[in-house]
Amino acid sequence: MKTILVIGLLALAVSFSPPVLADEAVEAPVPVRMVPPKYPIQMRQNGVGGVVTVKCTVDEKGNVVEPTVEKTTHDAFVQPALEALRKWKFKPAKKAGEVVAMRVTIPIQFTYADE
């Protein structure tokens, strides 16, 4: 039996706040270290998958700060998703060549497969 956990990420829906003007060069943050969330035992035993959509800020040092859950398919996935995401590290965003903090939306998908 094999458990497969998929982290949906750069499908990482990046959202900008405030709107960016067309003449400003913007580079979205890029993940350089992703820690997979722990799959909740009961959800794994029942073969249940789902997704947690988290909005957070990637600060100027590439750290995840202020993560908040926008939506989830199952409450059991929320805590593992947030705990894992806080350990992620990013290459920070850049705007006009300068490192900046940026708000992003990250879907973390839990997929169970028995092979």
Protein backbone atom coordinates (compact mmCIF):
# COMPACT_ATOMS: atom_id res chain seq x y z
CA MET A 1 0.00 0.00 0.00
CA LYS A 2 1.39 3.35 -0.99
CA THR A 3 0.14 6.78 -0.01
CA ILE A 4 0.63 9.54 -2.53
CA LEU A 5 0.41 13.13 -1.38
CA VAL A 6 0.21 15.82 -4.00
CA ILE A 7 0.94 19.40 -3.11
CA GLY A 8 -0.78 21.65 -5.59
CA LEU A 9 1.27 24.69 -5.74
CA LEU A 10 2.47 26.57 -8.69
CA ALA A 11 -0.72 25.93 -9.82
CA LEU A 12 0.13 28.31 -6.97
CA ALA A 13 -2.44 30.85 -7.85
CA VAL A 14 -0.55 34.05 -7.21
CA SER A 15 -2.67 37.05 -6.44
CA PHE A 16 -1.28 40.55 -6.33
CA SER A 17 -2.35 43.22 -3.92
CA PRO A 18 -2.48 46.11 -4.87
CA PRO A 19 -2.88 45.86 -8.66
CA VAL A 20 0.35 46.05 -10.62
CA LEU A 21 0.77 48.61 -13.37
CA ALA A 22 1.69 47.29 -16.82
CA ASP A 23 5.08 49.04 -16.84
CA GLU A 24 6.21 47.49 -13.54
CA ALA A 25 8.21 44.27 -13.81
CA VAL A 26 6.96 41.78 -11.22
CA GLU A 27 8.38 38.36 -10.41
CA ALA A 28 6.22 36.10 -8.24
CA PRO A 29 7.80 34.26 -5.30
CA VAL A 30 9.21 30.83 -6.18
CA PRO A 31 9.23 27.95 -3.70
CA VAL A 32 12.71 26.63 -2.92
CA ARG A 33 11.77 24.32 -0.01
CA MET A 34 8.39 22.66 0.33
CA VAL A 35 7.57 20.52 3.35
CA PRO A 36 4.73 18.09 2.65
CA PRO A 37 1.85 18.13 5.14
CA LYS A 38 1.15 15.09 7.28
CA TYR A 39 -1.84 13.19 5.93
CA PRO A 40 -4.40 12.82 8.76
CA ILE A 41 -4.56 9.13 9.72
CA GLN A 42 -8.35 8.86 9.69
CA MET A 43 -8.61 10.56 6.31
CA ARG A 44 -5.91 8.26 4.91
CA GLN A 45 -7.61 5.15 6.36
CA ASN A 46 -10.88 6.19 4.74
CA GLY A 47 -9.20 7.03 1.41
CA VAL A 48 -10.38 10.64 1.61
CA GLY A 49 -8.61 13.40 -0.30
CA GLY A 50 -9.18 17.12 -0.42
CA VAL A 51 -7.70 20.56 -0.74
CA VAL A 52 -6.95 23.49 1.55
CA THR A 53 -6.67 26.89 -0.11
CA VAL A 54 -4.43 29.20 1.92
CA LYS A 55 -3.80 32.91 1.45
CA CYS A 56 -0.52 34.13 2.92
CA THR A 57 2.25 36.67 2.55
CA VAL A 58 5.71 35.67 1.38
CA ASP A 59 7.91 38.26 3.07
CA GLU A 60 11.12 39.86 1.82
CA LYS A 61 13.16 36.98 3.32
CA GLY A 62 11.05 34.30 1.61
CA ASN A 63 9.19 33.24 4.74
CA VAL A 64 5.48 32.45 4.88
CA VAL A 65 3.66 34.82 7.23
CA GLU A 66 0.03 35.44 8.11
CA PRO A 67 -1.41 32.25 6.56
CA THR A 68 -5.21 32.14 6.57
CA VAL A 69 -7.48 29.46 5.20
CA GLU A 70 -9.75 30.69 2.42
CA LYS A 71 -11.53 27.35 1.99
CA THR A 72 -11.15 23.65 2.66
CA THR A 73 -12.89 20.48 1.63
CA HIS A 74 -12.31 18.87 5.05
CA ASP A 75 -11.44 20.51 8.37
CA ALA A 76 -9.06 17.63 9.17
CA PHE A 77 -6.66 18.90 6.49
CA VAL A 78 -6.43 22.49 7.78
CA GLN A 79 -3.92 22.09 10.62
CA PRO A 80 -1.49 19.83 8.71
CA ALA A 81 -1.60 22.20 5.72
CA LEU A 82 -0.86 25.28 7.85
CA GLU A 83 1.90 23.56 9.83
CA ALA A 84 3.63 22.43 6.64
CA LEU A 85 3.22 25.76 4.84
CA ARG A 86 4.85 27.66 7.71
CA LYS A 87 8.01 25.59 7.04
CA TRP A 88 8.13 26.41 3.32
CA LYS A 89 10.81 28.75 2.01
CA PHE A 90 10.55 30.92 -1.11
CA LYS A 91 12.77 32.98 -3.33
CA PRO A 92 11.05 36.30 -2.59
CA ALA A 93 9.03 38.27 -5.10
CA LYS A 94 10.58 41.19 -6.94
CA LYS A 95 8.98 44.35 -8.21
CA ALA A 96 11.05 46.56 -10.52
CA GLY A 97 14.12 44.58 -9.42
CA GLU A 98 13.55 45.15 -5.68
CA VAL A 99 12.68 42.34 -3.25
CA VAL A 100 9.12 42.81 -1.92
CA ALA A 101 6.58 40.99 0.22
CA MET A 102 3.67 39.58 -1.78
CA ARG A 103 0.28 38.06 -0.97
CA VAL A 104 -0.26 34.70 -2.64
CA THR A 105 -2.91 32.01 -2.69
CA ILE A 106 -1.68 28.43 -2.43
CA PRO A 107 -3.89 25.36 -2.87
CA ILE A 108 -2.52 22.41 -0.92
CA GLN A 109 -4.02 19.22 -2.26
CA PHE A 110 -4.23 15.93 -0.36
CA THR A 111 -4.58 12.97 -2.71
CA TYR A 112 -4.68 9.41 -1.46
CA ALA A 113 -3.95 6.54 -3.78
CA ASP A 114 -3.66 2.86 -2.91
CA GLU A 115 -1.24 1.18 -5.31
